[in-house]
Each structure stands twice: as C-alpha cells, then as structure tokens.
C-alpha cells in the first residue's frame, strides 16, 4: 500500500439490525464501498461545518443544521 493512503476497517455485527442493513447494502453486486464511505463521510463533515449554535440568554443552546 502507498505511503499516501490510510486504511481503516469497520466492524459490523449481523445480529445488530442497523449493521445487518449495512451488510445487506454492501453485499449488493457491483457495490463500491470506498466510494460510498467517502461520500457519507464528506457529507457528515460538511454538515458539521454548517452547524450553527445559538446560545440563549437563559443559558440554553439551539443547534441549527444548515
């Protein structure tokens, strides 16, 4: 593997309903896990960057996702 690449693994448990749904999706023929994971991670990062936090006078906070 190239020095410029980082490899991470994901553990999934078939008895967990959420994990089972992911396993079903990634088991589809011609499914590109790398492309899918990158897309989801970038969407999450960008959504987090667009998050606006408002502090109220009473000390509470309100989070608005843009």
C-alpha atoms as a PDB file:
ATOM      1  CA  UNK A   1       0.000   0.000   0.000  1.00  0.00           C
ATOM      2  CA  UNK A   2       1.162   3.520  -0.809  1.00  0.00           C
ATOM      3  CA  UNK A   3       2.514   5.738   1.979  1.00  0.00           C
ATOM      4  CA  UNK A   4      -0.059   8.326   0.879  1.00  0.00           C
ATOM      5  CA  UNK A   5      -3.032   6.123   1.764  1.00  0.00           C
ATOM      6  CA  UNK A   6      -4.644   5.366   5.109  1.00  0.00           C
ATOM      7  CA  UNK A   7      -6.568   2.138   5.644  1.00  0.00           C
ATOM      8  CA  UNK A   8      -9.352   1.876   8.239  1.00  0.00           C
ATOM      9  CA  UNK A   9     -11.650  -1.047   8.973  1.00  0.00           C
ATOM     10  CA  UNK A  10     -15.295  -1.180  10.005  1.00  0.00           C
ATOM     11  CA  UNK A  11     -16.687  -3.895  12.289  1.00  0.00           C
ATOM     12  CA  UNK A  12     -20.276  -4.961  11.669  1.00  0.00           C
ATOM     13  CA  UNK A  13     -22.381  -7.386  13.719  1.00  0.00           C
ATOM     14  CA  UNK A  14     -25.002  -9.311  11.740  1.00  0.00           C
ATOM     15  CA  UNK A  15     -27.224  -9.605  14.847  1.00  0.00           C
ATOM     16  CA  UNK A  16     -27.469  -5.796  15.135  1.00  0.00           C
ATOM     17  CA  UNK A  17     -30.384  -4.575  12.932  1.00  0.00           C
ATOM     18  CA  UNK A  18     -28.567  -1.404  11.814  1.00  0.00           C
ATOM     19  CA  UNK A  19     -25.403  -3.340  10.974  1.00  0.00           C
ATOM     20  CA  UNK A  20     -27.438  -6.016   9.168  1.00  0.00           C
ATOM     21  CA  UNK A  21     -28.969  -3.303   6.972  1.00  0.00           C
ATOM     22  CA  UNK A  22     -25.487  -2.028   6.105  1.00  0.00           C
ATOM     23  CA  UNK A  23     -24.253  -5.569   5.403  1.00  0.00           C
ATOM     24  CA  UNK A  24     -27.190  -6.129   3.049  1.00  0.00           C
ATOM     25  CA  UNK A  25     -26.391  -2.891   1.189  1.00  0.00           C
ATOM     26  CA  UNK A  26     -22.654  -3.515   0.823  1.00  0.00           C
ATOM     27  CA  UNK A  27     -23.282  -7.100  -0.316  1.00  0.00           C
ATOM     28  CA  UNK A  28     -25.079  -5.922  -3.469  1.00  0.00           C
ATOM     29  CA  UNK A  29     -23.330  -6.794  -6.742  1.00  0.00           C
ATOM     30  CA  UNK A  30     -21.024  -4.044  -8.053  1.00  0.00           C
ATOM     31  CA  UNK A  31     -21.327  -2.069  -4.801  1.00  0.00           C
ATOM     32  CA  UNK A  32     -18.363   0.296  -4.309  1.00  0.00           C
ATOM     33  CA  UNK A  33     -17.822   0.532  -0.541  1.00  0.00           C
ATOM     34  CA  UNK A  34     -14.917   3.006  -0.848  1.00  0.00           C
ATOM     35  CA  UNK A  35     -16.935   5.467  -2.908  1.00  0.00           C
ATOM     36  CA  UNK A  36     -19.968   5.152  -0.623  1.00  0.00           C
ATOM     37  CA  UNK A  37     -17.955   5.601   2.593  1.00  0.00           C
ATOM     38  CA  UNK A  38     -16.101   8.642   1.246  1.00  0.00           C
ATOM     39  CA  UNK A  39     -19.359  10.270   0.109  1.00  0.00           C
ATOM     40  CA  UNK A  40     -21.019   9.736   3.510  1.00  0.00           C
ATOM     41  CA  UNK A  41     -18.000  10.950   5.463  1.00  0.00           C
ATOM     42  CA  UNK A  42     -17.680  14.133   3.391  1.00  0.00           C
ATOM     43  CA  UNK A  43     -21.411  14.841   3.726  1.00  0.00           C
ATOM     44  CA  UNK A  44     -21.124  14.452   7.502  1.00  0.00           C
ATOM     45  CA  UNK A  45     -18.040  16.690   7.712  1.00  0.00           C
ATOM     46  CA  UNK A  46     -19.682  19.406   5.603  1.00  0.00           C
ATOM     47  CA  UNK A  47     -22.942  19.209   7.574  1.00  0.00           C
ATOM     48  CA  UNK A  48     -20.951  19.603  10.812  1.00  0.00           C
ATOM     49  CA  UNK A  49     -19.163  22.670   9.385  1.00  0.00           C
ATOM     50  CA  UNK A  50     -22.535  24.248   8.530  1.00  0.00           C
ATOM     51  CA  UNK A  51     -23.940  23.697  12.015  1.00  0.00           C
ATOM     52  CA  UNK A  52     -24.847  26.924  13.798  1.00  0.00           C
ATOM     53  CA  UNK A  53     -25.076  27.039  17.581  1.00  0.00           C
ATOM     54  CA  UNK A  54     -27.235  29.761  19.163  1.00  0.00           C
ATOM     55  CA  UNK A  55     -26.887  30.459  22.888  1.00  0.00           C
ATOM     56  CA  UNK A  56     -29.986  31.799  24.607  1.00  0.00           C
ATOM     57  CA  UNK A  57     -29.974  34.380  27.376  1.00  0.00           C
ATOM     58  CA  UNK A  58     -31.171  31.670  29.780  1.00  0.00           C
ATOM     59  CA  UNK A  59     -28.071  29.586  29.140  1.00  0.00           C
ATOM     60  CA  UNK A  60     -29.562  27.020  26.768  1.00  0.00           C
ATOM     61  CA  UNK A  61     -28.299  26.287  23.291  1.00  0.00           C
ATOM     62  CA  UNK A  62     -30.067  25.728  19.994  1.00  0.00           C
ATOM     63  CA  UNK A  63     -28.302  23.860  17.206  1.00  0.00           C
ATOM     64  CA  UNK A  64     -29.396  24.619  13.645  1.00  0.00           C
ATOM     65  CA  UNK A  65     -28.140  22.433  10.828  1.00  0.00           C
ATOM     66  CA  UNK A  66     -27.705  24.328   7.574  1.00  0.00           C
END
